[in-house]
Amino acid sequence: MQLFAVIINGHWQPGIGDPTFMGWFTVVAYFITAVLCLICALPHRFVLPLQRVSRNRWLWGFFAIILVVLGINKQLDLQSWLTVVGKELALSQGWYQQRRMVQVQFIVGIAIAALILLTVIGRAIYTERQTYRLALLGLMFLSCFIVIRASSFHHIDSLLGWQLLGLRMNWILEIGGIACIAIAAVRTIFKPWSTTKS
């Protein structure tokens, strides 16, 4: 059994994509935050009876699903599998020489989809935007990370290797995005208790 996710002779082999401490820390952060979002999405009588009912519980459910998918992908390295599939498709269909143009279109498509998603969510929760502002900021961070990570252009992907105050850019975007969503979820869960005590 292959322990690490690798590409051998042009074929993707499933396994652990990032076995480092930060890799596992990020996966755990994804799943813990997904649980927090799920708590926010549950009918409130099953969680905190005093919690105010939000009309946008669906949004927390959406966050939970996205975080679980990203957590799984963090260690399966599915983007490498997608790259291999794309290369094989380009070779079989004869457009391998134009692959850079297709890559650009793919990345632009992902960026536009992320922008549309953020816009639609922003409009849907406009009346409660203060509650979800931090969570949307986290989603924006994760969207930027996904767009950069999805590109295999060296000069674009190298952005993730930049450091700010000793912190790598991919940590800032990915873990920063997760942290924003987690903080927003915790605030949503415990806000009624602080309101009640005051």
C-alpha atoms as a PDB file:
ATOM      1  CA  MET A   1       0.000   0.000   0.000  1.00  0.00           C
ATOM      2  CA  GLN A   2       1.321   3.435  -1.001  1.00  0.00           C
ATOM      3  CA  LEU A   3       1.643   5.700   2.060  1.00  0.00           C
ATOM      4  CA  PHE A   4       2.074   9.013   0.241  1.00  0.00           C
ATOM      5  CA  ALA A   5       0.102  10.500  -2.652  1.00  0.00           C
ATOM      6  CA  VAL A   6       2.579  10.582  -5.544  1.00  0.00           C
ATOM      7  CA  ILE A   7       2.740  10.612  -9.319  1.00  0.00           C
ATOM      8  CA  ILE A   8       4.707   7.634 -10.693  1.00  0.00           C
ATOM      9  CA  ASN A   9       5.335   7.321 -14.438  1.00  0.00           C
ATOM     10  CA  GLY A  10       2.587   9.826 -15.112  1.00  0.00           C
ATOM     11  CA  HIS A  11       0.027   7.989 -12.947  1.00  0.00           C
ATOM     12  CA  TRP A  12      -1.404   9.306  -9.679  1.00  0.00           C
ATOM     13  CA  GLN A  13      -1.123   6.988  -6.689  1.00  0.00           C
ATOM     14  CA  PRO A  14      -3.451   7.733  -3.729  1.00  0.00           C
ATOM     15  CA  GLY A  15      -1.993   8.215  -0.265  1.00  0.00           C
ATOM     16  CA  ILE A  16      -1.150  10.912   2.278  1.00  0.00           C
ATOM     17  CA  GLY A  17      -0.559  14.201   0.487  1.00  0.00           C
ATOM     18  CA  ASP A  18       1.059  16.220   3.282  1.00  0.00           C
ATOM     19  CA  PRO A  19       2.359  14.096   6.192  1.00  0.00           C
ATOM     20  CA  THR A  20       3.998  17.070   7.950  1.00  0.00           C
ATOM     21  CA  PHE A  21       2.854  18.514  11.281  1.00  0.00           C
ATOM     22  CA  MET A  22       1.319  21.542   9.538  1.00  0.00           C
ATOM     23  CA  GLY A  23      -0.415  19.256   7.064  1.00  0.00           C
ATOM     24  CA  TRP A  24      -2.131  17.241   9.790  1.00  0.00           C
ATOM     25  CA  PHE A  25      -2.769  20.369  11.884  1.00  0.00           C
ATOM     26  CA  THR A  26      -4.598  21.903   8.920  1.00  0.00           C
ATOM     27  CA  VAL A  27      -6.682  18.762   8.366  1.00  0.00           C
ATOM     28  CA  VAL A  28      -7.702  18.687  12.041  1.00  0.00           C
ATOM     29  CA  ALA A  29      -8.536  22.406  11.851  1.00  0.00           C
ATOM     30  CA  TYR A  30     -10.727  21.777   8.789  1.00  0.00           C
ATOM     31  CA  PHE A  31     -12.692  19.025  10.529  1.00  0.00           C
ATOM     32  CA  ILE A  32     -13.064  20.799  13.894  1.00  0.00           C
ATOM     33  CA  THR A  33     -14.319  23.915  12.128  1.00  0.00           C
ATOM     34  CA  ALA A  34     -16.688  21.783  10.032  1.00  0.00           C
ATOM     35  CA  VAL A  35     -18.175  20.389  13.274  1.00  0.00           C
ATOM     36  CA  LEU A  36     -18.618  23.935  14.624  1.00  0.00           C
ATOM     37  CA  CYS A  37     -20.392  24.934  11.407  1.00  0.00           C
ATOM     38  CA  LEU A  38     -22.588  21.840  11.621  1.00  0.00           C
ATOM     39  CA  ILE A  39     -23.598  22.815  15.163  1.00  0.00           C
ATOM     40  CA  CYS A  40     -24.620  26.232  13.828  1.00  0.00           C
ATOM     41  CA  ALA A  41     -26.623  24.557  11.048  1.00  0.00           C
ATOM     42  CA  LEU A  42     -28.561  22.161  13.313  1.00  0.00           C
ATOM     43  CA  PRO A  43     -32.051  23.008  14.532  1.00  0.00           C
ATOM     44  CA  HIS A  44     -31.265  25.127  17.585  1.00  0.00           C
ATOM     45  CA  ARG A  45     -33.488  23.221  20.001  1.00  0.00           C
ATOM     46  CA  PHE A  46     -30.983  20.343  19.702  1.00  0.00           C
ATOM     47  CA  VAL A  47     -27.994  22.561  20.514  1.00  0.00           C
ATOM     48  CA  LEU A  48     -28.730  25.645  22.597  1.00  0.00           C
ATOM     49  CA  PRO A  49     -32.436  26.194  23.335  1.00  0.00           C
ATOM     50  CA  LEU A  50     -31.893  29.921  23.926  1.00  0.00           C
ATOM     51  CA  GLN A  51     -30.141  30.454  20.606  1.00  0.00           C
ATOM     52  CA  ARG A  52     -31.823  32.775  18.169  1.00  0.00           C
ATOM     53  CA  VAL A  53     -33.034  31.048  15.020  1.00  0.00           C
ATOM     54  CA  SER A  54     -31.125  32.192  11.959  1.00  0.00           C
ATOM     55  CA  ARG A  55     -32.819  32.251   8.589  1.00  0.00           C
ATOM     56  CA  ASN A  56     -29.502  31.301   7.053  1.00  0.00           C
ATOM     57  CA  ARG A  57     -28.680  28.007   8.753  1.00  0.00           C
ATOM     58  CA  TRP A  58     -28.154  26.601   5.254  1.00  0.00           C
ATOM     59  CA  LEU A  59     -25.013  28.719   5.000  1.00  0.00           C
ATOM     60  CA  TRP A  60     -23.402  26.967   7.963  1.00  0.00           C
ATOM     61  CA  GLY A  61     -24.284  23.622   6.420  1.00  0.00           C
ATOM     62  CA  PHE A  62     -22.628  24.763   3.211  1.00  0.00           C
ATOM     63  CA  PHE A  63     -19.503  25.796   5.126  1.00  0.00           C
ATOM     64  CA  ALA A  64     -19.421  22.402   6.871  1.00  0.00           C
ATOM     65  CA  ILE A  65     -19.558  20.536   3.545  1.00  0.00           C
ATOM     66  CA  ILE A  66     -16.878  22.724   1.948  1.00  0.00           C
ATOM     67  CA  LEU A  67     -14.547  22.321   4.929  1.00  0.00           C
ATOM     68  CA  VAL A  68     -14.912  18.517   5.001  1.00  0.00           C
ATOM     69  CA  VAL A  69     -14.186  18.311   1.254  1.00  0.00           C
ATOM     70  CA  LEU A  70     -11.128  20.557   1.582  1.00  0.00           C
ATOM     71  CA  GLY A  71      -9.912  18.588   4.606  1.00  0.00           C
ATOM     72  CA  ILE A  72     -10.125  15.315   2.689  1.00  0.00           C
ATOM     73  CA  ASN A  73      -8.464  16.869  -0.346  1.00  0.00           C
ATOM     74  CA  LYS A  74      -5.648  18.211   1.853  1.00  0.00           C
ATOM     75  CA  GLN A  75      -4.305  14.704   2.367  1.00  0.00           C
ATOM     76  CA  LEU A  76      -5.479  12.948  -0.810  1.00  0.00           C
ATOM     77  CA  ASP A  77      -3.911  15.648  -3.033  1.00  0.00           C
ATOM     78  CA  LEU A  78      -6.723  15.330  -5.575  1.00  0.00           C
ATOM     79  CA  GLN A  79      -5.494  18.325  -7.553  1.00  0.00           C
ATOM     80  CA  SER A  80      -2.487  16.241  -8.610  1.00  0.00           C
ATOM     81  CA  TRP A  81      -4.871  13.547  -9.837  1.00  0.00           C
ATOM     82  CA  LEU A  82      -6.822  16.215 -11.755  1.00  0.00           C
ATOM     83  CA  THR A  83      -3.570  17.446 -13.349  1.00  0.00           C
ATOM     84  CA  VAL A  84      -2.690  13.924 -14.512  1.00  0.00           C
ATOM     85  CA  VAL A  85      -6.191  13.370 -15.918  1.00  0.00           C
ATOM     86  CA  GLY A  86      -6.003  16.728 -17.720  1.00  0.00           C
ATOM     87  CA  LYS A  87      -2.624  15.876 -19.230  1.00  0.00           C
ATOM     88  CA  GLU A  88      -3.839  12.487 -20.460  1.00  0.00           C
ATOM     89  CA  LEU A  89      -6.947  14.119 -21.934  1.00  0.00           C
ATOM     90  CA  ALA A  90      -4.841  16.788 -23.676  1.00  0.00           C
ATOM     91  CA  LEU A  91      -2.536  14.153 -25.190  1.00  0.00           C
ATOM     92  CA  SER A  92      -5.378  11.920 -26.347  1.00  0.00           C
ATOM     93  CA  GLN A  93      -7.339  14.804 -27.897  1.00  0.00           C
ATOM     94  CA  GLY A  94      -4.315  16.506 -29.452  1.00  0.00           C
ATOM     95  CA  TRP A  95      -4.390  19.891 -27.705  1.00  0.00           C
ATOM     96  CA  TYR A  96      -1.417  19.366 -25.389  1.00  0.00           C
ATOM     97  CA  GLN A  97       0.512  22.218 -27.075  1.00  0.00           C
ATOM     98  CA  GLN A  98      -2.325  24.589 -26.155  1.00  0.00           C
ATOM     99  CA  ARG A  99      -2.545  23.355 -22.572  1.00  0.00           C
ATOM    100  CA  ARG A 100      -1.413  26.696 -21.090  1.00  0.00           C
ATOM    101  CA  MET A 101      -4.367  28.486 -22.658  1.00  0.00           C
ATOM    102  CA  VAL A 102      -6.718  25.806 -21.328  1.00  0.00           C
ATOM    103  CA  GLN A 103      -5.090  26.122 -17.890  1.00  0.00           C
ATOM    104  CA  VAL A 104      -5.666  29.867 -17.900  1.00  0.00           C
ATOM    105  CA  GLN A 105      -9.308  29.369 -18.883  1.00  0.00           C
ATOM    106  CA  PHE A 106      -9.712  26.763 -16.134  1.00  0.00           C
ATOM    107  CA  ILE A 107      -8.216  29.018 -13.455  1.00  0.00           C
ATOM    108  CA  VAL A 108     -10.254  32.014 -14.636  1.00  0.00           C
ATOM    109  CA  GLY A 109     -13.349  29.806 -14.515  1.00  0.00           C
ATOM    110  CA  ILE A 110     -12.620  28.804 -10.921  1.00  0.00           C
ATOM    111  CA  ALA A 111     -11.986  32.437  -9.958  1.00  0.00           C
ATOM    112  CA  ILE A 112     -15.237  33.600 -11.586  1.00  0.00           C
ATOM    113  CA  ALA A 113     -17.188  30.766  -9.937  1.00  0.00           C
ATOM    114  CA  ALA A 114     -15.745  31.728  -6.530  1.00  0.00           C
ATOM    115  CA  LEU A 115     -16.621  35.390  -7.121  1.00  0.00           C
ATOM    116  CA  ILE A 116     -20.169  34.519  -8.162  1.00  0.00           C
ATOM    117  CA  LEU A 117     -20.542  32.245  -5.122  1.00  0.00           C
ATOM    118  CA  LEU A 118     -19.381  34.979  -2.742  1.00  0.00           C
ATOM    119  CA  THR A 119     -21.718  37.495  -4.417  1.00  0.00           C
ATOM    120  CA  VAL A 120     -24.748  35.192  -4.247  1.00  0.00           C
ATOM    121  CA  ILE A 121     -24.083  34.357  -0.583  1.00  0.00           C
ATOM    122  CA  GLY A 122     -23.511  38.035   0.209  1.00  0.00           C
ATOM    123  CA  ARG A 123     -26.851  38.990  -1.313  1.00  0.00           C
ATOM    124  CA  ALA A 124     -28.687  36.137   0.394  1.00  0.00           C
ATOM    125  CA  ILE A 125     -27.474  37.113   3.867  1.00  0.00           C
ATOM    126  CA  TYR A 126     -27.473  40.883   3.409  1.00  0.00           C
ATOM    127  CA  THR A 127     -29.802  41.517   6.358  1.00  0.00           C
ATOM    128  CA  GLU A 128     -27.516  39.487   8.654  1.00  0.00           C
ATOM    129  CA  ARG A 129     -24.202  40.487   7.074  1.00  0.00           C
ATOM    130  CA  GLN A 130     -22.662  41.517  10.413  1.00  0.00           C
ATOM    131  CA  THR A 131     -23.106  37.965  11.711  1.00  0.00           C
ATOM    132  CA  TYR A 132     -21.479  36.326   8.703  1.00  0.00           C
ATOM    133  CA  ARG A 133     -18.883  38.939   7.764  1.00  0.00           C
ATOM    134  CA  LEU A 134     -15.962  37.070   9.348  1.00  0.00           C
ATOM    135  CA  ALA A 135     -17.094  33.729   7.909  1.00  0.00           C
ATOM    136  CA  LEU A 136     -17.272  35.253   4.416  1.00  0.00           C
ATOM    137  CA  LEU A 137     -13.786  36.683   4.881  1.00  0.00           C
ATOM    138  CA  GLY A 138     -12.595  33.166   5.691  1.00  0.00           C
ATOM    139  CA  LEU A 139     -14.322  31.802   2.590  1.00  0.00           C
ATOM    140  CA  MET A 140     -12.618  34.514   0.524  1.00  0.00           C
ATOM    141  CA  PHE A 141      -9.204  33.502   1.933  1.00  0.00           C
ATOM    142  CA  LEU A 142      -9.869  29.849   1.135  1.00  0.00           C
ATOM    143  CA  SER A 143     -11.088  30.768  -2.363  1.00  0.00           C
ATOM    144  CA  CYS A 144      -7.835  32.638  -3.034  1.00  0.00           C
ATOM    145  CA  PHE A 145      -5.856  29.654  -1.760  1.00  0.00           C
ATOM    146  CA  ILE A 146      -7.806  27.243  -3.978  1.00  0.00           C
ATOM    147  CA  VAL A 147      -7.363  29.378  -7.090  1.00  0.00           C
ATOM    148  CA  ILE A 148      -3.608  29.702  -6.549  1.00  0.00           C
ATOM    149  CA  ARG A 149      -3.204  26.044  -5.576  1.00  0.00           C
ATOM    150  CA  ALA A 150      -5.216  24.868  -8.580  1.00  0.00           C
ATOM    151  CA  SER A 151      -2.806  26.591 -10.975  1.00  0.00           C
ATOM    152  CA  SER A 152       0.331  24.685 -11.881  1.00  0.00           C
ATOM    153  CA  PHE A 153       2.084  27.756 -13.278  1.00  0.00           C
ATOM    154  CA  HIS A 154       5.385  27.991 -11.433  1.00  0.00           C
ATOM    155  CA  HIS A 155       5.350  31.790 -11.143  1.00  0.00           C
ATOM    156  CA  ILE A 156       1.785  31.737  -9.755  1.00  0.00           C
ATOM    157  CA  ASP A 157       2.065  28.676  -7.520  1.00  0.00           C
ATOM    158  CA  SER A 158       5.296  30.077  -6.070  1.00  0.00           C
ATOM    159  CA  LEU A 159       3.178  32.775  -4.389  1.00  0.00           C
ATOM    160  CA  LEU A 160       2.284  30.176  -1.770  1.00  0.00           C
ATOM    161  CA  GLY A 161       5.961  29.959  -0.831  1.00  0.00           C
ATOM    162  CA  TRP A 162       6.221  33.661   0.032  1.00  0.00           C
ATOM    163  CA  GLN A 163       6.737  34.463   3.692  1.00  0.00           C
ATOM    164  CA  LEU A 164       5.327  37.255   5.817  1.00  0.00           C
ATOM    165  CA  LEU A 165       6.831  37.600   9.304  1.00  0.00           C
ATOM    166  CA  GLY A 166       8.072  34.016   9.046  1.00  0.00           C
ATOM    167  CA  LEU A 167       4.678  32.659   7.991  1.00  0.00           C
ATOM    168  CA  ARG A 168       4.238  31.107   4.559  1.00  0.00           C
ATOM    169  CA  MET A 169       1.533  32.592   2.360  1.00  0.00           C
ATOM    170  CA  ASN A 170      -0.300  29.260   2.041  1.00  0.00           C
ATOM    171  CA  TRP A 171      -0.546  29.070   5.859  1.00  0.00           C
ATOM    172  CA  ILE A 172      -1.903  32.622   6.026  1.00  0.00           C
ATOM    173  CA  LEU A 173      -4.544  31.989   3.364  1.00  0.00           C
ATOM    174  CA  GLU A 174      -5.558  28.446   4.304  1.00  0.00           C
ATOM    175  CA  ILE A 175      -5.282  28.430   8.102  1.00  0.00           C
ATOM    176  CA  GLY A 176      -6.305  32.085   8.269  1.00  0.00           C
ATOM    177  CA  GLY A 177      -9.460  31.286   6.298  1.00  0.00           C
ATOM    178  CA  ILE A 178     -10.276  28.312   8.521  1.00  0.00           C
ATOM    179  CA  ALA A 179      -9.687  30.420  11.648  1.00  0.00           C
ATOM    180  CA  CYS A 180     -12.043  33.179  10.450  1.00  0.00           C
ATOM    181  CA  ILE A 181     -14.840  30.669   9.849  1.00  0.00           C
ATOM    182  CA  ALA A 182     -14.180  28.927  13.186  1.00  0.00           C
ATOM    183  CA  ILE A 183     -14.305  32.203  15.143  1.00  0.00           C
ATOM    184  CA  ALA A 184     -17.529  33.214  13.377  1.00  0.00           C
ATOM    185  CA  ALA A 185     -19.095  29.834  14.205  1.00  0.00           C
ATOM    186  CA  VAL A 186     -18.065  30.004  17.875  1.00  0.00           C
ATOM    187  CA  ARG A 187     -19.506  33.518  18.124  1.00  0.00           C
ATOM    188  CA  THR A 188     -22.769  32.298  16.615  1.00  0.00           C
ATOM    189  CA  ILE A 189     -22.978  29.351  19.020  1.00  0.00           C
ATOM    190  CA  PHE A 190     -22.310  31.333  22.209  1.00  0.00           C
ATOM    191  CA  LYS A 191     -23.733  34.758  21.341  1.00  0.00           C
ATOM    192  CA  PRO A 192     -27.120  34.077  22.994  1.00  0.00           C
ATOM    193  CA  TRP A 193     -25.451  33.190  26.317  1.00  0.00           C
ATOM    194  CA  SER A 194     -23.522  36.453  26.425  1.00  0.00           C
ATOM    195  CA  THR A 195     -26.670  38.338  25.440  1.00  0.00           C
ATOM    196  CA  THR A 196     -28.650  36.618  28.176  1.00  0.00           C
ATOM    197  CA  LYS A 197     -26.095  37.426  30.885  1.00  0.00           C
ATOM    198  CA  SER A 198     -25.820  41.100  29.995  1.00  0.00           C
END
